[in-house]
Amino acid sequence: MSKGVMYVDNIRVEYDNEPNVLEVCRKAGVEIPNFCFHSDLSVYGACRMCMVEEEGTGKIDAACTMPPKNELHIRTNTARLLKYRRMIIELLLSAHCRDCTTCEKNRACRLQEMAVRFGIHHVRFDDTREHVKMDFSSPAVTMDLNKCILCGDCVRVCEEMQGMGILNFAYRGSSAQVMPAFDRKMAQTKCVSCGQCAAVCPTGAITVKNQIGEAWRAIHDPKKRVVIQIAPAVRVAVGEAFGIPAGENVLDKLVTALKIMGADEVYDTIFGADLTVREESAEFLRRLETGENLPLMTSCCPAWVKYVENERPEFLKNLSTARSPMQMFASVLKENYRKKDAEDGRTTFHIAIMPCTAKKMEARREEFRDAYGVPYVDLVLTTQEVVQMMKESGIRFQMLEKESPDLPYGMGSGAAEIFGTSGGVAEAVIRCCTPDKSKNALRTIEHSGLRGTDAVRFAEVTINGRKVRAAIVHGLGSAAKLLDQIQSGEVQADLVEVMSCRTGCVGGAGQPYALMAKKLQRAQGLYEIDRSAMFKRSERNPVIDAMYANGLADRAHELLHIEYKD
């Protein structure tokens, strides 16, 4: 890394540790077109859209692979570059399914955006590629490789961030395709449904599985009572689709929108998060006392749980038996509505609005069904899908009045709010376990190292006179390395929190597309909600106290816990 001065289209720009010319151009206010560059991933340089021209020599190079150089003068929009970019787009379109009006990524597709930006109105070349059948087998994503532009983003995110390597290139030249090994369906692989491939895909080749139709059918069915829960990370991201800054809490507007769309009752998943903290904290304290199956590993992230089942079953005993907040909430809800359903002659249809595609997979697991085989969560919608439903309804989100979630399941703590960030689950558990409940204790926990952006972080706190070490990790690739270190004895930890997505749920694949800076704004938004929360610890939630007293304590193991098996 170095410092110096560059000139971008005659604009003087000081660079300071920017890794490439593309980032320097952004600093100058020039957005270089590209398909394959992601700051979180390795530089690939496949699309060649980001070519820039060096003044004087006429040399052209890809800005994403070109290191900054002191006193370098470049042009980003010469006649030569414009010709190249238009030709690249036209060639990509010639081998691309162009049913844009029915595509999931319509108006959110980078290829479509670039075609408009560079005025491509006619494609001179015929599409000679063989049509490939769509793959609907995954519970989380849909694959339509007829729309793939071979940028390699999905391949790199699956390998580099998640360490899974589910997708890769097959064949060569004009026959090249991206696919799972041996051209298997996604459901036949060890995919954990994290959906990050869909999050980085610039076209409609990999998209979040669309279940909007099922939601509308339930809402319009008079025999169904539609009850919705909303996850913490959704409230600080959904507004982005309507011009509201990332991190702004729009939960009350979203509740209003859902009621307008036909939801009968709308609750807050933070209620379930408080339940999870209470149960997981009790479990953690028991394990600390007995020394059995330490470290305790969080089990809120379904992609992480699936990863342990598939790849590291020796750690299944370490997973917390506490269900995820979504499932805890759903099991309590369905149980409490059973009598009311019989009296009203209706069926409670429970929809969970989540930032995560893996929650779609979790909702389908056999373990999360009642004695009659009915799932506790009938349907999971991502933030993206809810945005689409609001647009279908003609809702002008910015103009909506505010309405709070319904009671009794609309109340939760600040600790539950931060579940949507990397480190938030561990922090909530430690808040509950720490005997010192003062404000100073909260500040100490906040600055212990639990928060941050590093892929792996460590924090040390004191619980009941004992030094307890917590490890925080986001990204399954980093989690795999941490597990190796724990197994070898290189790392000692008592509590391990794993989130599959970088930055945690705020960076989930079901959220509106965002780069790292915007994801961090979402996380900061959750911390701001926590700061102004009425109570900041899960054990202070009075509704949960009342439910425990009224019989939930006797059925806690049945409704709130699950043991994952190999």
Foldseek 3Di string as FASTA:
>chain_A
DDWAWEAEVNQIFTDDPDFWQQVRCVVSVHHQQDQQDFPVFDDDCDLVSRWKAWPPVRDIDRGSNHGDDHHTYIYRDDPVSLVVNLVSLLVLVQQADDPLVPFPCNVQASSVVSCVVSVPPDRPHHHPDDADDKFPPDLWKIAGQSHDSPSCNLQGCCCPQFVHRQWDWDDDDPNITIAGPPNDGPVVGLQLNLQVSQLSRRHRRMHTDADLVVVLVQLPDPQEQEEEEEALLLQQFLCVVQVDAGLAGQVQLLQQLVVVSRHNFYAYLLLLLLVLLVQQLVVLVVCVVVVPLPQAEEDQASSVVSCCVVPPVVSLSNYFQFYHSVQLVLLVVQVVCVVVCVVVVHHYAYEYEFQGSSVSVVQPDQVQADPVSHHSHNYYAYSQNSSVVSVVVVHNSVPGDGDQGDPDRHDHALLSSLQQFFLSSVLQNCCQQAPDNDPVVNVCSVPQFSDDQDQKTKGWDAGPNDIFIEITHEGNVVVVVVVVCVVVVVDDHNYYYYANHRRGRNRGSRGPRDHPVSSVSNSVSSNVCNVPTPHHHSVPSVVVVVVCVVPCVVCCCVRGGHRDHD
